[in-house]
Amino acid sequence: MTAPVETVRDPSNAIKWVAAVLLLVAATLVNRYLPDLAVALRGLIMVALGAVALVLALLTQQGKAFLDLLKLAQVEVRKVVWPTKAETWQTTLVVLVVVLVMSLLLWGMDSLFGLAISAVIG
């Protein structure tokens, strides 16, 4: 069983989130209210503000937990045994054959039911 998670109220965590949101708002306002700036300069300012907001978000407790999750996911991906090219082709061919057989079967049943209904109706 897992241990219960204790939440710790850290005021700096909330301040970091507010600052990250304000930086994102500032980035959108730069684009909206400074149309006279060159597009490249506006883009650079927006990217810089977004990057700082991302760094601030990653420094929060939730951001650190997200980074830990990414690291664990990367470890799990390394454990996956990927199929070889031959196995992939073999599986693909099996799927195609099954789809073909099922489509012919359904077509035949549909034709039989159509003929039976048309015989009954007239």
PDB file of N, CA and C in Angstrom:
ATOM      1  N   MET A   1       0.844  -1.182   0.000  1.00  0.00           N
ATOM      2  CA  MET A   1       0.000   0.000   0.000  1.00  0.00           C
ATOM      3  C   MET A   1       0.886   1.241   0.000  1.00  0.00           C
ATOM      4  N   THR A   2       0.341   2.280  -0.525  1.00  0.00           N
ATOM      5  CA  THR A   2       1.089   3.530  -0.556  1.00  0.00           C
ATOM      6  C   THR A   2       0.765   4.358   0.669  1.00  0.00           C
ATOM      7  N   ALA A   3       1.707   5.160   1.057  1.00  0.00           N
ATOM      8  CA  ALA A   3       1.517   6.024   2.216  1.00  0.00           C
ATOM      9  C   ALA A   3       0.653   7.210   1.814  1.00  0.00           C
ATOM     10  N   PRO A   4      -0.135   7.735   2.732  1.00  0.00           N
ATOM     11  CA  PRO A   4      -0.960   8.905   2.400  1.00  0.00           C
ATOM     12  C   PRO A   4      -0.067  10.106   2.089  1.00  0.00           C
ATOM     13  N   VAL A   5      -0.537  10.900   1.157  1.00  0.00           N
ATOM     14  CA  VAL A   5       0.226  12.069   0.735  1.00  0.00           C
ATOM     15  C   VAL A   5      -0.140  13.248   1.628  1.00  0.00           C
ATOM     16  N   GLU A   6       0.871  13.874   2.185  1.00  0.00           N
ATOM     17  CA  GLU A   6       0.639  15.053   3.003  1.00  0.00           C
ATOM     18  C   GLU A   6       0.885  16.295   2.154  1.00  0.00           C
ATOM     19  N   THR A   7      -0.069  17.206   2.170  1.00  0.00           N
ATOM     20  CA  THR A   7       0.111  18.439   1.424  1.00  0.00           C
ATOM     21  C   THR A   7       0.699  19.491   2.346  1.00  0.00           C
ATOM     22  N   VAL A   8       1.726  20.127   1.882  1.00  0.00           N
ATOM     23  CA  VAL A   8       2.393  21.164   2.656  1.00  0.00           C
ATOM     24  C   VAL A   8       2.072  22.498   2.012  1.00  0.00           C
ATOM     25  N   ARG A   9       1.546  23.411   2.786  1.00  0.00           N
ATOM     26  CA  ARG A   9       1.211  24.739   2.281  1.00  0.00           C
ATOM     27  C   ARG A   9       2.466  25.603   2.312  1.00  0.00           C
ATOM     28  N   ASP A  10       2.945  25.933   1.143  1.00  0.00           N
ATOM     29  CA  ASP A  10       4.140  26.750   1.033  1.00  0.00           C
ATOM     30  C   ASP A  10       3.752  28.044   0.334  1.00  0.00           C
ATOM     31  N   PRO A  11       3.866  29.190   1.007  1.00  0.00           N
ATOM     32  CA  PRO A  11       3.457  30.439   0.364  1.00  0.00           C
ATOM     33  C   PRO A  11       4.302  30.786  -0.859  1.00  0.00           C
ATOM     34  N   SER A  12       5.558  30.355  -0.884  1.00  0.00           N
ATOM     35  CA  SER A  12       6.380  30.660  -2.049  1.00  0.00           C
ATOM     36  C   SER A  12       5.896  29.905  -3.277  1.00  0.00           C
ATOM     37  N   ASN A  13       5.274  28.757  -3.063  1.00  0.00           N
ATOM     38  CA  ASN A  13       4.711  27.978  -4.161  1.00  0.00           C
ATOM     39  C   ASN A  13       3.599  28.766  -4.850  1.00  0.00           C
ATOM     40  N   ALA A  14       2.703  29.339  -4.064  1.00  0.00           N
ATOM     41  CA  ALA A  14       1.602  30.128  -4.618  1.00  0.00           C
ATOM     42  C   ALA A  14       2.129  31.379  -5.315  1.00  0.00           C
ATOM     43  N   ILE A  15       3.143  31.994  -4.742  1.00  0.00           N
ATOM     44  CA  ILE A  15       3.732  33.201  -5.349  1.00  0.00           C
ATOM     45  C   ILE A  15       4.348  32.855  -6.707  1.00  0.00           C
ATOM     46  N   LYS A  16       4.996  31.699  -6.794  1.00  0.00           N
ATOM     47  CA  LYS A  16       5.592  31.283  -8.065  1.00  0.00           C
ATOM     48  C   LYS A  16       4.515  31.068  -9.126  1.00  0.00           C
ATOM     49  N   TRP A  17       3.389  30.448  -8.733  1.00  0.00           N
ATOM     50  CA  TRP A  17       2.304  30.227  -9.694  1.00  0.00           C
ATOM     51  C   TRP A  17       1.706  31.548 -10.159  1.00  0.00           C
ATOM     52  N   VAL A  18       1.494  32.461  -9.230  1.00  0.00           N
ATOM     53  CA  VAL A  18       0.934  33.766  -9.597  1.00  0.00           C
ATOM     54  C   VAL A  18       1.890  34.499 -10.530  1.00  0.00           C
ATOM     55  N   ALA A  19       3.176  34.449 -10.227  1.00  0.00           N
ATOM     56  CA  ALA A  19       4.166  35.113 -11.072  1.00  0.00           C
ATOM     57  C   ALA A  19       4.207  34.476 -12.464  1.00  0.00           C
ATOM     58  N   ALA A  20       4.107  33.158 -12.539  1.00  0.00           N
ATOM     59  CA  ALA A  20       4.116  32.479 -13.840  1.00  0.00           C
ATOM     60  C   ALA A  20       2.898  32.880 -14.669  1.00  0.00           C
ATOM     61  N   VAL A  21       1.742  32.940 -14.037  1.00  0.00           N
ATOM     62  CA  VAL A  21       0.525  33.346 -14.757  1.00  0.00           C
ATOM     63  C   VAL A  21       0.635  34.794 -15.200  1.00  0.00           C
ATOM     64  N   LEU A  22       1.148  35.655 -14.329  1.00  0.00           N
ATOM     65  CA  LEU A  22       1.301  37.067 -14.698  1.00  0.00           C
ATOM     66  C   LEU A  22       2.282  37.238 -15.859  1.00  0.00           C
ATOM     67  N   LEU A  23       3.332  36.439 -15.883  1.00  0.00           N
ATOM     68  CA  LEU A  23       4.271  36.505 -17.008  1.00  0.00           C
ATOM     69  C   LEU A  23       3.607  36.072 -18.312  1.00  0.00           C
ATOM     70  N   LEU A  24       2.758  35.058 -18.251  1.00  0.00           N
ATOM     71  CA  LEU A  24       2.041  34.639 -19.453  1.00  0.00           C
ATOM     72  C   LEU A  24       1.045  35.701 -19.915  1.00  0.00           C
ATOM     73  N   VAL A  25       0.387  36.335 -18.950  1.00  0.00           N
ATOM     74  CA  VAL A  25      -0.522  37.432 -19.294  1.00  0.00           C
ATOM     75  C   VAL A  25       0.268  38.579 -19.913  1.00  0.00           C
ATOM     76  N   ALA A  26       1.426  38.889 -19.341  1.00  0.00           N
ATOM     77  CA  ALA A  26       2.274  39.953 -19.888  1.00  0.00           C
ATOM     78  C   ALA A  26       2.709  39.623 -21.314  1.00  0.00           C
ATOM     79  N   ALA A  27       2.998  38.365 -21.589  1.00  0.00           N
ATOM     80  CA  ALA A  27       3.397  37.971 -22.945  1.00  0.00           C
ATOM     81  C   ALA A  27       2.275  38.205 -23.942  1.00  0.00           C
ATOM     82  N   THR A  28       1.052  37.897 -23.550  1.00  0.00           N
ATOM     83  CA  THR A  28      -0.069  38.130 -24.464  1.00  0.00           C
ATOM     84  C   THR A  28      -0.349  39.621 -24.627  1.00  0.00           C
ATOM     85  N   LEU A  29      -0.162  40.379 -23.543  1.00  0.00           N
ATOM     86  CA  LEU A  29      -0.384  41.828 -23.643  1.00  0.00           C
ATOM     87  C   LEU A  29       0.669  42.504 -24.515  1.00  0.00           C
ATOM     88  N   VAL A  30       1.887  42.011 -24.489  1.00  0.00           N
ATOM     89  CA  VAL A  30       2.934  42.550 -25.359  1.00  0.00           C
ATOM     90  C   VAL A  30       2.507  42.401 -26.812  1.00  0.00           C
ATOM     91  N   ASN A  31       1.996  41.245 -27.147  1.00  0.00           N
ATOM     92  CA  ASN A  31       1.571  41.002 -28.524  1.00  0.00           C
ATOM     93  C   ASN A  31       0.364  41.864 -28.893  1.00  0.00           C
ATOM     94  N   ARG A  32      -0.525  42.078 -27.942  1.00  0.00           N
ATOM     95  CA  ARG A  32      -1.767  42.815 -28.228  1.00  0.00           C
ATOM     96  C   ARG A  32      -1.545  44.321 -28.278  1.00  0.00           C
ATOM     97  N   TYR A  33      -0.813  44.855 -27.334  1.00  0.00           N
ATOM     98  CA  TYR A  33      -0.736  46.307 -27.183  1.00  0.00           C
ATOM     99  C   TYR A  33       0.543  46.933 -27.719  1.00  0.00           C
ATOM    100  N   LEU A  34       1.444  46.162 -28.249  1.00  0.00           N
ATOM    101  CA  LEU A  34       2.651  46.731 -28.850  1.00  0.00           C
ATOM    102  C   LEU A  34       2.802  46.266 -30.301  1.00  0.00           C
ATOM    103  N   PRO A  35       1.807  46.577 -31.137  1.00  0.00           N
ATOM    104  CA  PRO A  35       1.897  46.111 -32.523  1.00  0.00           C
ATOM    105  C   PRO A  35       2.957  46.852 -33.339  1.00  0.00           C
ATOM    106  N   ASP A  36       3.445  47.993 -32.820  1.00  0.00           N
ATOM    107  CA  ASP A  36       4.436  48.768 -33.563  1.00  0.00           C
ATOM    108  C   ASP A  36       5.828  48.141 -33.503  1.00  0.00           C
ATOM    109  N   LEU A  37       6.058  47.279 -32.513  1.00  0.00           N
ATOM    110  CA  LEU A  37       7.353  46.601 -32.432  1.00  0.00           C
ATOM    111  C   LEU A  37       7.481  45.613 -33.593  1.00  0.00           C
ATOM    112  N   ALA A  38       8.700  45.360 -33.969  1.00  0.00           N
ATOM    113  CA  ALA A  38       8.933  44.380 -35.030  1.00  0.00           C
ATOM    114  C   ALA A  38       8.415  43.013 -34.588  1.00  0.00           C
ATOM    115  N   VAL A  39       7.933  42.246 -35.547  1.00  0.00           N
ATOM    116  CA  VAL A  39       7.364  40.940 -35.231  1.00  0.00           C
ATOM    117  C   VAL A  39       8.403  40.049 -34.558  1.00  0.00           C
ATOM    118  N   ALA A  40       9.631  40.106 -35.036  1.00  0.00           N
ATOM    119  CA  ALA A  40      10.683  39.277 -34.452  1.00  0.00           C
ATOM    120  C   ALA A  40      10.949  39.669 -32.992  1.00  0.00           C
ATOM    121  N   LEU A  41      10.939  40.974 -32.713  1.00  0.00           N
ATOM    122  CA  LEU A  41      11.178  41.433 -31.346  1.00  0.00           C
ATOM    123  C   LEU A  41      10.030  41.033 -30.425  1.00  0.00           C
ATOM    124  N   ARG A  42       8.786  41.213 -30.918  1.00  0.00           N
ATOM    125  CA  ARG A  42       7.629  40.784 -30.120  1.00  0.00           C
ATOM    126  C   ARG A  42       7.694  39.284 -29.851  1.00  0.00           C
ATOM    127  N   GLY A  43       8.031  38.516 -30.880  1.00  0.00           N
ATOM    128  CA  GLY A  43       8.137  37.069 -30.706  1.00  0.00           C
ATOM    129  C   GLY A  43       9.207  36.693 -29.701  1.00  0.00           C
ATOM    130  N   LEU A  44      10.350  37.389 -29.777  1.00  0.00           N
ATOM    131  CA  LEU A  44      11.433  37.120 -28.839  1.00  0.00           C
ATOM    132  C   LEU A  44      11.014  37.444 -27.408  1.00  0.00           C
ATOM    133  N   ILE A  45      10.326  38.569 -27.222  1.00  0.00           N
ATOM    134  CA  ILE A  45       9.852  38.947 -25.880  1.00  0.00           C
ATOM    135  C   ILE A  45       8.860  37.916 -25.365  1.00  0.00           C
ATOM    136  N   MET A  46       7.935  37.486 -26.242  1.00  0.00           N
ATOM    137  CA  MET A  46       6.928  36.508 -25.818  1.00  0.00           C
ATOM    138  C   MET A  46       7.566  35.170 -25.463  1.00  0.00           C
ATOM    139  N   VAL A  47       8.528  34.736 -26.255  1.00  0.00           N
ATOM    140  CA  VAL A  47       9.205  33.470 -25.966  1.00  0.00           C
ATOM    141  C   VAL A  47       9.988  33.575 -24.659  1.00  0.00           C
ATOM    142  N   ALA A  48      10.649  34.699 -24.439  1.00  0.00           N
ATOM    143  CA  ALA A  48      11.422  34.884 -23.208  1.00  0.00           C
ATOM    144  C   ALA A  48      10.498  34.875 -21.988  1.00  0.00           C
ATOM    145  N   LEU A  49       9.392  35.612 -22.072  1.00  0.00           N
ATOM    146  CA  LEU A  49       8.449  35.628 -20.940  1.00  0.00           C
ATOM    147  C   LEU A  49       7.850  34.241 -20.716  1.00  0.00           C
ATOM    148  N   GLY A  50       7.537  33.523 -21.798  1.00  0.00           N
ATOM    149  CA  GLY A  50       7.005  32.164 -21.657  1.00  0.00           C
ATOM    150  C   GLY A  50       8.015  31.211 -21.050  1.00  0.00           C
ATOM    151  N   ALA A  51       9.285  31.358 -21.434  1.00  0.00           N
ATOM    152  CA  ALA A  51      10.330  30.491 -20.879  1.00  0.00           C
ATOM    153  C   ALA A  51      10.525  30.745 -19.388  1.00  0.00           C
ATOM    154  N   VAL A  52      10.507  32.016 -18.997  1.00  0.00           N
ATOM    155  CA  VAL A  52      10.644  32.337 -17.572  1.00  0.00           C
ATOM    156  C   VAL A  52       9.442  31.798 -16.799  1.00  0.00           C
ATOM    157  N   ALA A  53       8.244  31.911 -17.385  1.00  0.00           N
ATOM    158  CA  ALA A  53       7.045  31.378 -16.735  1.00  0.00           C
ATOM    159  C   ALA A  53       7.137  29.858 -16.597  1.00  0.00           C
ATOM    160  N   LEU A  54       7.656  29.200 -17.609  1.00  0.00           N
ATOM    161  CA  LEU A  54       7.808  27.743 -17.546  1.00  0.00           C
ATOM    162  C   LEU A  54       8.802  27.341 -16.460  1.00  0.00           C
ATOM    163  N   VAL A  55       9.914  28.058 -16.372  1.00  0.00           N
ATOM    164  CA  VAL A  55      10.909  27.756 -15.338  1.00  0.00           C
ATOM    165  C   VAL A  55      10.302  27.969 -13.953  1.00  0.00           C
ATOM    166  N   LEU A  56       9.554  29.051 -13.791  1.00  0.00           N
ATOM    167  CA  LEU A  56       8.906  29.295 -12.491  1.00  0.00           C
ATOM    168  C   LEU A  56       7.911  28.185 -12.165  1.00  0.00           C
ATOM    169  N   ALA A  57       7.145  27.763 -13.156  1.00  0.00           N
ATOM    170  CA  ALA A  57       6.170  26.696 -12.914  1.00  0.00           C
ATOM    171  C   ALA A  57       6.867  25.391 -12.551  1.00  0.00           C
ATOM    172  N   LEU A  58       8.013  25.120 -13.176  1.00  0.00           N
ATOM    173  CA  LEU A  58       8.738  23.885 -12.873  1.00  0.00           C
ATOM    174  C   LEU A  58       9.424  23.934 -11.511  1.00  0.00           C
ATOM    175  N   LEU A  59       9.595  25.120 -10.962  1.00  0.00           N
ATOM    176  CA  LEU A  59      10.193  25.244  -9.629  1.00  0.00           C
ATOM    177  C   LEU A  59       9.173  25.076  -8.509  1.00  0.00           C
ATOM    178  N   THR A  60       7.888  24.979  -8.842  1.00  0.00           N
ATOM    179  CA  THR A  60       6.865  24.752  -7.819  1.00  0.00           C
ATOM    180  C   THR A  60       6.848  23.276  -7.434  1.00  0.00           C
ATOM    181  N   GLN A  61       6.087  22.950  -6.398  1.00  0.00           N
ATOM    182  CA  GLN A  61       5.992  21.556  -5.966  1.00  0.00           C
ATOM    183  C   GLN A  61       5.373  20.689  -7.065  1.00  0.00           C
ATOM    184  N   GLN A  62       4.336  21.211  -7.706  1.00  0.00           N
ATOM    185  CA  GLN A  62       3.679  20.457  -8.774  1.00  0.00           C
ATOM    186  C   GLN A  62       4.618  20.296  -9.966  1.00  0.00           C
ATOM    187  N   GLY A  63       5.404  21.323 -10.251  1.00  0.00           N
ATOM    188  CA  GLY A  63       6.357  21.245 -11.352  1.00  0.00           C
ATOM    189  C   GLY A  63       7.427  20.204 -11.093  1.00  0.00           C
ATOM    190  N   LYS A  64       7.917  20.156  -9.859  1.00  0.00           N
ATOM    191  CA  LYS A  64       8.921  19.149  -9.507  1.00  0.00           C
ATOM    192  C   LYS A  64       8.333  17.742  -9.590  1.00  0.00           C
ATOM    193  N   ALA A  65       7.079  17.605  -9.161  1.00  0.00           N
ATOM    194  CA  ALA A  65       6.417  16.304  -9.259  1.00  0.00           C
ATOM    195  C   ALA A  65       6.237  15.905 -10.722  1.00  0.00           C
ATOM    196  N   PHE A  66       5.944  16.873 -11.588  1.00  0.00           N
ATOM    197  CA  PHE A  66       5.797  16.602 -13.013  1.00  0.00           C
ATOM    198  C   PHE A  66       7.126  16.155 -13.614  1.00  0.00           C
ATOM    199  N   LEU A  67       8.217  16.810 -13.234  1.00  0.00           N
ATOM    200  CA  LEU A  67       9.528  16.404 -13.732  1.00  0.00           C
ATOM    201  C   LEU A  67       9.886  14.992 -13.268  1.00  0.00           C
ATOM    202  N   ASP A  68       9.528  14.672 -12.022  1.00  0.00           N
ATOM    203  CA  ASP A  68       9.764  13.310 -11.526  1.00  0.00           C
ATOM    204  C   ASP A  68       8.956  12.295 -12.330  1.00  0.00           C
ATOM    205  N   LEU A  69       7.720  12.646 -12.653  1.00  0.00           N
ATOM    206  CA  LEU A  69       6.882  11.772 -13.465  1.00  0.00           C
ATOM    207  C   LEU A  69       7.500  11.548 -14.841  1.00  0.00           C
ATOM    208  N   LEU A  70       8.036  12.612 -15.447  1.00  0.00           N
ATOM    209  CA  LEU A  70       8.686  12.467 -16.748  1.00  0.00           C
ATOM    210  C   LEU A  70       9.906  11.554 -16.674  1.00  0.00           C
ATOM    211  N   LYS A  71      10.672  11.677 -15.589  1.00  0.00           N
ATOM    212  CA  LYS A  71      11.845  10.814 -15.426  1.00  0.00           C
ATOM    213  C   LYS A  71      11.431   9.354 -15.273  1.00  0.00           C
ATOM    214  N   LEU A  72      10.377   9.100 -14.490  1.00  0.00           N
ATOM    215  CA  LEU A  72       9.896   7.731 -14.311  1.00  0.00           C
ATOM    216  C   LEU A  72       9.338   7.173 -15.619  1.00  0.00           C
ATOM    217  N   ALA A  73       8.669   8.011 -16.389  1.00  0.00           N
ATOM    218  CA  ALA A  73       8.135   7.560 -17.678  1.00  0.00           C
ATOM    219  C   ALA A  73       9.270   7.198 -18.625  1.00  0.00           C
ATOM    220  N   GLN A  74      10.343   7.962 -18.588  1.00  0.00           N
ATOM    221  CA  GLN A  74      11.491   7.678 -19.443  1.00  0.00           C
ATOM    222  C   GLN A  74      12.129   6.336 -19.063  1.00  0.00           C
ATOM    223  N   VAL A  75      12.174   6.058 -17.771  1.00  0.00           N
ATOM    224  CA  VAL A  75      12.716   4.775 -17.312  1.00  0.00           C
ATOM    225  C   VAL A  75      11.828   3.635 -17.818  1.00  0.00           C
ATOM    226  N   GLU A  76      10.512   3.813 -17.764  1.00  0.00           N
ATOM    227  CA  GLU A  76       9.591   2.773 -18.215  1.00  0.00           C
ATOM    228  C   GLU A  76       9.688   2.560 -19.723  1.00  0.00           C
ATOM    229  N   VAL A  77       9.892   3.635 -20.480  1.00  0.00           N
ATOM    230  CA  VAL A  77      10.014   3.497 -21.936  1.00  0.00           C
ATOM    231  C   VAL A  77      11.251   2.692 -22.285  1.00  0.00           C
ATOM    232  N   ARG A  78      12.307   2.845 -21.518  1.00  0.00           N
ATOM    233  CA  ARG A  78      13.525   2.064 -21.771  1.00  0.00           C
ATOM    234  C   ARG A  78      13.303   0.573 -21.542  1.00  0.00           C
ATOM    235  N   LYS A  79      12.320   0.214 -20.705  1.00  0.00           N
ATOM    236  CA  LYS A  79      12.049  -1.197 -20.408  1.00  0.00           C
ATOM    237  C   LYS A  79      11.219  -1.876 -21.498  1.00  0.00           C
ATOM    238  N   VAL A  80      10.621  -1.110 -22.390  1.00  0.00           N
ATOM    239  CA  VAL A  80       9.751  -1.677 -23.413  1.00  0.00           C
ATOM    240  C   VAL A  80      10.579  -2.461 -24.423  1.00  0.00           C
ATOM    241  N   VAL A  81      10.087  -3.639 -24.762  1.00  0.00           N
ATOM    242  CA  VAL A  81      10.729  -4.446 -25.800  1.00  0.00           C
ATOM    243  C   VAL A  81       9.959  -4.198 -27.091  1.00  0.00           C
ATOM    244  N   TRP A  82      10.581  -3.474 -28.004  1.00  0.00           N
ATOM    245  CA  TRP A  82       9.919  -3.107 -29.249  1.00  0.00           C
ATOM    246  C   TRP A  82      10.012  -4.260 -30.230  1.00  0.00           C
ATOM    247  N   PRO A  83       8.966  -4.456 -31.049  1.00  0.00           N
ATOM    248  CA  PRO A  83       8.996  -5.559 -32.018  1.00  0.00           C
ATOM    249  C   PRO A  83       9.998  -5.286 -33.137  1.00  0.00           C
ATOM    250  N   THR A  84      10.473  -6.360 -33.727  1.00  0.00           N
ATOM    251  CA  THR A  84      11.383  -6.221 -34.860  1.00  0.00           C
ATOM    252  C   THR A  84      10.585  -5.862 -36.104  1.00  0.00           C
ATOM    253  N   LYS A  85      11.288  -5.521 -37.164  1.00  0.00           N
ATOM    254  CA  LYS A  85      10.622  -5.161 -38.411  1.00  0.00           C
ATOM    255  C   LYS A  85       9.819  -6.346 -38.956  1.00  0.00           C
ATOM    256  N   ALA A  86      10.383  -7.531 -38.852  1.00  0.00           N
ATOM    257  CA  ALA A  86       9.690  -8.728 -39.347  1.00  0.00           C
ATOM    258  C   ALA A  86       8.412  -8.993 -38.542  1.00  0.00           C
ATOM    259  N   GLU A  87       8.485  -8.840 -37.227  1.00  0.00           N
ATOM    260  CA  GLU A  87       7.297  -9.044 -36.387  1.00  0.00           C
ATOM    261  C   GLU A  87       6.218  -8.020 -36.703  1.00  0.00           C
ATOM    262  N   THR A  88       6.635  -6.796 -36.966  1.00  0.00           N
ATOM    263  CA  THR A  88       5.671  -5.753 -37.294  1.00  0.00           C
ATOM    264  C   THR A  88       4.962  -6.063 -38.607  1.00  0.00           C
ATOM    265  N   TRP A  89       5.714  -6.479 -39.621  1.00  0.00           N
ATOM    266  CA  TRP A  89       5.107  -6.837 -40.910  1.00  0.00           C
ATOM    267  C   TRP A  89       4.177  -8.036 -40.757  1.00  0.00           C
ATOM    268  N   GLN A  90       4.594  -9.030 -39.990  1.00  0.00           N
ATOM    269  CA  GLN A  90       3.769 -10.220 -39.800  1.00  0.00           C
ATOM    270  C   GLN A  90       2.450  -9.859 -39.118  1.00  0.00           C
ATOM    271  N   THR A  91       2.514  -9.048 -38.087  1.00  0.00           N
ATOM    272  CA  THR A  91       1.304  -8.630 -37.386  1.00  0.00           C
ATOM    273  C   THR A  91       0.402  -7.807 -38.302  1.00  0.00           C
ATOM    274  N   THR A  92       0.992  -6.935 -39.093  1.00  0.00           N
ATOM    275  CA  THR A  92       0.216  -6.114 -40.022  1.00  0.00           C
ATOM    276  C   THR A  92      -0.505  -6.989 -41.037  1.00  0.00           C
ATOM    277  N   LEU A  93       0.187  -7.991 -41.567  1.00  0.00           N
ATOM    278  CA  LEU A  93      -0.447  -8.880 -42.537  1.00  0.00           C
ATOM    279  C   LEU A  93      -1.582  -9.690 -41.908  1.00  0.00           C
ATOM    280  N   VAL A  94      -1.404 -10.137 -40.680  1.00  0.00           N
ATOM    281  CA  VAL A  94      -2.468 -10.868 -39.992  1.00  0.00           C
ATOM    282  C   VAL A  94      -3.694  -9.976 -39.826  1.00  0.00           C
ATOM    283  N   VAL A  95      -3.481  -8.737 -39.437  1.00  0.00           N
ATOM    284  CA  VAL A  95      -4.598  -7.805 -39.265  1.00  0.00           C
ATOM    285  C   VAL A  95      -5.303  -7.571 -40.598  1.00  0.00           C
ATOM    286  N   LEU A  96      -4.537  -7.383 -41.674  1.00  0.00           N
ATOM    287  CA  LEU A  96      -5.148  -7.165 -42.987  1.00  0.00           C
ATOM    288  C   LEU A  96      -5.964  -8.370 -43.445  1.00  0.00           C
ATOM    289  N   VAL A  97      -5.457  -9.570 -43.227  1.00  0.00           N
ATOM    290  CA  VAL A  97      -6.191 -10.775 -43.611  1.00  0.00           C
ATOM    291  C   VAL A  97      -7.482 -10.897 -42.810  1.00  0.00           C
ATOM    292  N   VAL A  98      -7.421 -10.644 -41.523  1.00  0.00           N
ATOM    293  CA  VAL A  98      -8.615 -10.731 -40.681  1.00  0.00           C
ATOM    294  C   VAL A  98      -9.647  -9.683 -41.116  1.00  0.00           C
ATOM    295  N   VAL A  99      -9.199  -8.484 -41.422  1.00  0.00           N
ATOM    296  CA  VAL A  99     -10.121  -7.438 -41.886  1.00  0.00           C
ATOM    297  C   VAL A  99     -10.754  -7.852 -43.204  1.00  0.00           C
ATOM    298  N   LEU A 100      -9.988  -8.409 -44.119  1.00  0.00           N
ATOM    299  CA  LEU A 100     -10.514  -8.836 -45.409  1.00  0.00           C
ATOM    300  C   LEU A 100     -11.549  -9.948 -45.228  1.00  0.00           C
ATOM    301  N   VAL A 101     -11.233 -10.943 -44.421  1.00  0.00           N
ATOM    302  CA  VAL A 101     -12.159 -12.053 -44.186  1.00  0.00           C
ATOM    303  C   VAL A 101     -13.448 -11.552 -43.536  1.00  0.00           C
ATOM    304  N   MET A 102     -13.317 -10.708 -42.528  1.00  0.00           N
ATOM    305  CA  MET A 102     -14.511 -10.203 -41.839  1.00  0.00           C
ATOM    306  C   MET A 102     -15.360  -9.341 -42.769  1.00  0.00           C
ATOM    307  N   SER A 103     -14.719  -8.540 -43.613  1.00  0.00           N
ATOM    308  CA  SER A 103     -15.497  -7.697 -44.527  1.00  0.00           C
ATOM    309  C   SER A 103     -16.235  -8.554 -45.546  1.00  0.00           C
ATOM    310  N   LEU A 104     -15.606  -9.618 -46.051  1.00  0.00           N
ATOM    311  CA  LEU A 104     -16.299 -10.525 -46.974  1.00  0.00           C
ATOM    312  C   LEU A 104     -17.449 -11.250 -46.285  1.00  0.00           C
ATOM    313  N   LEU A 105     -17.225 -11.658 -45.049  1.00  0.00           N
ATOM    314  CA  LEU A 105     -18.280 -12.327 -44.283  1.00  0.00           C
ATOM    315  C   LEU A 105     -19.468 -11.387 -44.058  1.00  0.00           C
ATOM    316  N   LEU A 106     -19.193 -10.171 -43.648  1.00  0.00           N
ATOM    317  CA  LEU A 106     -20.282  -9.218 -43.418  1.00  0.00           C
ATOM    318  C   LEU A 106     -20.990  -8.854 -44.721  1.00  0.00           C
ATOM    319  N   TRP A 107     -20.235  -8.728 -45.815  1.00  0.00           N
ATOM    320  CA  TRP A 107     -20.847  -8.445 -47.110  1.00  0.00           C
ATOM    321  C   TRP A 107     -21.789  -9.585 -47.516  1.00  0.00           C
ATOM    322  N   GLY A 108     -21.323 -10.840 -47.320  1.00  0.00           N
ATOM    323  CA  GLY A 108     -22.161 -11.997 -47.657  1.00  0.00           C
ATOM    324  C   GLY A 108     -23.425 -12.045 -46.813  1.00  0.00           C
ATOM    325  N   MET A 109     -23.299 -11.810 -45.514  1.00  0.00           N
ATOM    326  CA  MET A 109     -24.478 -11.818 -44.639  1.00  0.00           C
ATOM    327  C   MET A 109     -25.436 -10.696 -45.011  1.00  0.00           C
ATOM    328  N   ASP A 110     -24.909  -9.525 -45.333  1.00  0.00           N
ATOM    329  CA  ASP A 110     -25.758  -8.407 -45.732  1.00  0.00           C
ATOM    330  C   ASP A 110     -26.505  -8.727 -47.023  1.00  0.00           C
ATOM    331  N   SER A 111     -25.809  -9.359 -47.960  1.00  0.00           N
ATOM    332  CA  SER A 111     -26.455  -9.728 -49.221  1.00  0.00           C
ATOM    333  C   SER A 111     -27.554 -10.751 -48.984  1.00  0.00           C
ATOM    334  N   LEU A 112     -27.287 -11.761 -48.137  1.00  0.00           N
ATOM    335  CA  LEU A 112     -28.311 -12.769 -47.844  1.00  0.00           C
ATOM    336  C   LEU A 112     -29.526 -12.160 -47.156  1.00  0.00           C
ATOM    337  N   PHE A 113     -29.288 -11.300 -46.165  1.00  0.00           N
ATOM    338  CA  PHE A 113     -30.420 -10.658 -45.490  1.00  0.00           C
ATOM    339  C   PHE A 113     -31.187  -9.755 -46.452  1.00  0.00           C
ATOM    340  N   GLY A 114     -30.469  -9.074 -47.335  1.00  0.00           N
ATOM    341  CA  GLY A 114     -31.141  -8.222 -48.336  1.00  0.00           C
ATOM    342  C   GLY A 114     -32.023  -9.041 -49.259  1.00  0.00           C
ATOM    343  N   LEU A 115     -31.500 -10.171 -49.726  1.00  0.00           N
ATOM    344  CA  LEU A 115     -32.300 -11.034 -50.597  1.00  0.00           C
ATOM    345  C   LEU A 115     -33.515 -11.607 -49.862  1.00  0.00           C
ATOM    346  N   ALA A 116     -33.305 -11.999 -48.603  1.00  0.00           N
ATOM    347  CA  ALA A 116     -34.411 -12.573 -47.826  1.00  0.00           C
ATOM    348  C   ALA A 116     -35.487 -11.519 -47.591  1.00  0.00           C
ATOM    349  N   ILE A 117     -35.110 -10.306 -47.267  1.00  0.00           N
ATOM    350  CA  ILE A 117     -36.097  -9.253 -47.000  1.00  0.00           C
ATOM    351  C   ILE A 117     -36.813  -8.876 -48.295  1.00  0.00           C
ATOM    352  N   SER A 118     -36.075  -8.788 -49.403  1.00  0.00           N
ATOM    353  CA  SER A 118     -36.736  -8.448 -50.675  1.00  0.00           C
ATOM    354  C   SER A 118     -37.678  -9.559 -51.122  1.00  0.00           C
ATOM    355  N   ALA A 119     -37.363 -10.805 -50.781  1.00  0.00           N
ATOM    356  CA  ALA A 119     -38.269 -11.913 -51.113  1.00  0.00           C
ATOM    357  C   ALA A 119     -39.548 -11.830 -50.279  1.00  0.00           C
ATOM    358  N   VAL A 120     -39.429 -11.431 -49.017  1.00  0.00           N
ATOM    359  CA  VAL A 120     -40.597 -11.331 -48.160  1.00  0.00           C
ATOM    360  C   VAL A 120     -41.449 -10.123 -48.540  1.00  0.00           C
ATOM    361  N   ILE A 121     -40.799  -8.999 -48.798  1.00  0.00           N
ATOM    362  CA  ILE A 121     -41.526  -7.761 -49.107  1.00  0.00           C
ATOM    363  C   ILE A 121     -42.134  -7.830 -50.510  1.00  0.00           C
ATOM    364  N   GLY A 122     -41.462  -8.391 -51.402  1.00  0.00           N
ATOM    365  CA  GLY A 122     -42.072  -8.519 -52.721  1.00  0.00           C
ATOM    366  C   GLY A 122     -41.165  -8.127 -53.779  1.00  0.00           C
TER     367      GLY A 122
END
